[in-house]
Amino acid sequence: MPLHHLTRFPRLELIGAPTPLEYLPRLSDYLGREIYIKRDDVTPIAMGGNKLRKLEFLVADALR
């Protein structure tokens, strides 16, 4: 599913700040294309990551 399709779902922002993308030069060289990872482990909230992102959608849906 393309990322822009997610805008149709309600979302309650809990993280409050974007998380950085980190370039992986060695893996990029090995695979022959640019590889990045999203650093959700550096969110300002201790329990960051994909669980918190999923919770943003679940809470928004529950509040509707």
N, C-alpha and C. Protein backbone atom coordinates (compact mmCIF):
# COMPACT_ATOMS: atom_id res chain seq x y z
N MET A 1 0.85 -1.17 0.00
CA MET A 1 0.00 0.00 0.00
C MET A 1 0.90 1.24 0.00
N PRO A 2 0.70 2.14 -0.95
CA PRO A 2 1.47 3.38 -0.95
C PRO A 2 1.20 4.20 0.32
N LEU A 3 2.21 4.90 0.76
CA LEU A 3 2.14 5.66 2.01
C LEU A 3 1.01 6.68 2.01
N HIS A 4 0.72 7.32 0.88
CA HIS A 4 -0.32 8.35 0.86
C HIS A 4 -1.71 7.77 1.13
N HIS A 5 -1.89 6.47 0.99
CA HIS A 5 -3.19 5.85 1.30
C HIS A 5 -3.48 5.85 2.80
N LEU A 6 -2.45 5.99 3.62
CA LEU A 6 -2.66 5.99 5.08
C LEU A 6 -3.37 7.25 5.56
N THR A 7 -3.38 8.30 4.75
CA THR A 7 -4.03 9.54 5.18
C THR A 7 -5.54 9.40 5.30
N ARG A 8 -6.10 8.35 4.73
CA ARG A 8 -7.55 8.17 4.86
C ARG A 8 -7.95 7.62 6.22
N PHE A 9 -7.00 7.15 7.00
CA PHE A 9 -7.27 6.63 8.33
C PHE A 9 -7.05 7.72 9.38
N PRO A 10 -7.94 7.83 10.38
CA PRO A 10 -7.71 8.82 11.43
C PRO A 10 -6.46 8.46 12.23
N ARG A 11 -5.75 9.49 12.66
CA ARG A 11 -4.50 9.27 13.41
C ARG A 11 -4.37 10.33 14.50
N LEU A 12 -4.08 9.90 15.70
CA LEU A 12 -3.82 10.81 16.81
C LEU A 12 -2.31 10.82 17.03
N GLU A 13 -1.67 11.96 16.78
CA GLU A 13 -0.22 12.02 16.87
C GLU A 13 0.23 11.94 18.33
N LEU A 14 0.98 10.91 18.66
CA LEU A 14 1.49 10.71 20.01
C LEU A 14 2.98 10.98 20.11
N ILE A 15 3.69 10.79 19.03
CA ILE A 15 5.15 10.95 19.06
C ILE A 15 5.52 12.43 19.08
N GLY A 16 4.89 13.24 18.26
CA GLY A 16 5.09 14.68 18.30
C GLY A 16 6.30 15.19 17.55
N ALA A 17 7.13 14.33 17.02
CA ALA A 17 8.30 14.78 16.28
C ALA A 17 8.68 13.72 15.26
N PRO A 18 9.20 14.15 14.11
CA PRO A 18 9.64 13.15 13.14
C PRO A 18 10.90 12.44 13.64
N THR A 19 11.05 11.21 13.24
CA THR A 19 12.26 10.47 13.60
C THR A 19 13.18 10.44 12.39
N PRO A 20 14.49 10.42 12.62
CA PRO A 20 15.44 10.54 11.51
C PRO A 20 15.56 9.27 10.67
N LEU A 21 15.97 9.47 9.43
CA LEU A 21 16.37 8.36 8.57
C LEU A 21 17.89 8.29 8.62
N GLU A 22 18.42 7.09 8.72
CA GLU A 22 19.87 6.92 8.78
C GLU A 22 20.33 6.12 7.56
N TYR A 23 21.28 6.68 6.85
CA TYR A 23 21.84 6.02 5.68
C TYR A 23 22.78 4.90 6.12
N LEU A 24 22.69 3.75 5.48
CA LEU A 24 23.54 2.61 5.79
C LEU A 24 24.53 2.40 4.64
N PRO A 25 25.71 3.02 4.74
CA PRO A 25 26.64 3.00 3.60
C PRO A 25 27.17 1.61 3.25
N ARG A 26 27.52 0.79 4.23
CA ARG A 26 28.08 -0.53 3.92
C ARG A 26 27.05 -1.44 3.26
N LEU A 27 25.82 -1.44 3.80
CA LEU A 27 24.77 -2.26 3.21
C LEU A 27 24.39 -1.73 1.83
N SER A 28 24.38 -0.41 1.68
CA SER A 28 24.09 0.21 0.39
C SER A 28 25.13 -0.21 -0.65
N ASP A 29 26.41 -0.18 -0.27
CA ASP A 29 27.47 -0.61 -1.19
C ASP A 29 27.31 -2.07 -1.57
N TYR A 30 26.99 -2.90 -0.59
CA TYR A 30 26.85 -4.34 -0.81
C TYR A 30 25.68 -4.65 -1.75
N LEU A 31 24.56 -3.95 -1.56
CA LEU A 31 23.36 -4.22 -2.36
C LEU A 31 23.30 -3.42 -3.65
N GLY A 32 24.14 -2.39 -3.76
CA GLY A 32 24.17 -1.60 -4.98
C GLY A 32 23.05 -0.58 -5.10
N ARG A 33 22.43 -0.23 -3.99
CA ARG A 33 21.40 0.82 -3.97
C ARG A 33 21.40 1.47 -2.60
N GLU A 34 20.83 2.67 -2.53
CA GLU A 34 20.81 3.40 -1.26
C GLU A 34 19.82 2.76 -0.30
N ILE A 35 20.30 2.43 0.90
CA ILE A 35 19.47 1.82 1.93
C ILE A 35 19.45 2.75 3.15
N TYR A 36 18.25 3.03 3.63
CA TYR A 36 18.05 3.86 4.82
C TYR A 36 17.20 3.09 5.82
N ILE A 37 17.36 3.41 7.10
CA ILE A 37 16.47 2.88 8.12
C ILE A 37 15.84 4.05 8.86
N LYS A 38 14.62 3.86 9.31
CA LYS A 38 13.92 4.89 10.09
C LYS A 38 14.23 4.63 11.55
N ARG A 39 14.76 5.61 12.25
CA ARG A 39 15.23 5.46 13.62
C ARG A 39 14.12 5.76 14.62
N ASP A 40 13.13 4.89 14.70
CA ASP A 40 12.05 5.06 15.67
C ASP A 40 12.52 4.81 17.10
N ASP A 41 13.72 4.27 17.25
CA ASP A 41 14.24 4.03 18.60
C ASP A 41 14.70 5.32 19.28
N VAL A 42 14.75 6.42 18.56
CA VAL A 42 15.19 7.69 19.16
C VAL A 42 14.02 8.65 19.39
N THR A 43 12.80 8.13 19.47
CA THR A 43 11.65 8.99 19.76
C THR A 43 11.77 9.55 21.17
N PRO A 44 11.17 10.72 21.41
CA PRO A 44 11.25 11.30 22.75
C PRO A 44 10.49 10.50 23.81
N ILE A 45 9.60 9.61 23.36
CA ILE A 45 8.84 8.78 24.30
C ILE A 45 9.55 7.45 24.44
N ALA A 46 9.69 6.96 25.65
CA ALA A 46 10.48 5.75 25.91
C ALA A 46 9.98 4.54 25.15
N MET A 47 8.69 4.43 24.93
CA MET A 47 8.16 3.24 24.25
C MET A 47 7.94 3.48 22.77
N GLY A 48 8.86 4.16 22.12
CA GLY A 48 8.70 4.48 20.72
C GLY A 48 8.74 3.27 19.82
N GLY A 49 8.70 3.52 18.53
CA GLY A 49 8.78 2.44 17.56
C GLY A 49 7.45 2.13 16.91
N ASN A 50 7.38 0.97 16.27
CA ASN A 50 6.19 0.65 15.49
C ASN A 50 4.97 0.43 16.37
N LYS A 51 5.14 0.02 17.61
CA LYS A 51 3.98 -0.18 18.49
C LYS A 51 3.29 1.16 18.78
N LEU A 52 4.08 2.18 19.00
CA LEU A 52 3.52 3.50 19.26
C LEU A 52 2.86 4.06 18.00
N ARG A 53 3.45 3.83 16.84
CA ARG A 53 2.83 4.30 15.59
C ARG A 53 1.50 3.61 15.35
N LYS A 54 1.42 2.31 15.63
CA LYS A 54 0.15 1.60 15.49
C LYS A 54 -0.87 2.14 16.47
N LEU A 55 -0.43 2.44 17.69
CA LEU A 55 -1.32 2.97 18.71
C LEU A 55 -1.92 4.31 18.29
N GLU A 56 -1.17 5.12 17.53
CA GLU A 56 -1.70 6.39 17.03
C GLU A 56 -2.98 6.18 16.22
N PHE A 57 -3.01 5.13 15.42
CA PHE A 57 -4.19 4.84 14.60
C PHE A 57 -5.30 4.20 15.44
N LEU A 58 -4.94 3.31 16.35
CA LEU A 58 -5.95 2.63 17.17
C LEU A 58 -6.68 3.60 18.09
N VAL A 59 -5.94 4.50 18.73
CA VAL A 59 -6.55 5.47 19.65
C VAL A 59 -7.44 6.44 18.88
N ALA A 60 -6.98 6.91 17.73
CA ALA A 60 -7.80 7.83 16.93
C ALA A 60 -9.10 7.16 16.50
N ASP A 61 -9.04 5.89 16.13
CA ASP A 61 -10.25 5.17 15.74
C ASP A 61 -11.17 4.98 16.93
N ALA A 62 -10.62 4.69 18.10
CA ALA A 62 -11.43 4.49 19.30
C ALA A 62 -12.12 5.78 19.73
N LEU A 63 -11.50 6.93 19.49
CA LEU A 63 -12.07 8.21 19.89
C LEU A 63 -13.15 8.70 18.93
N ARG A 64 -13.28 8.09 17.77
CA ARG A 64 -14.30 8.51 16.80
C ARG A 64 -15.68 8.16 17.27
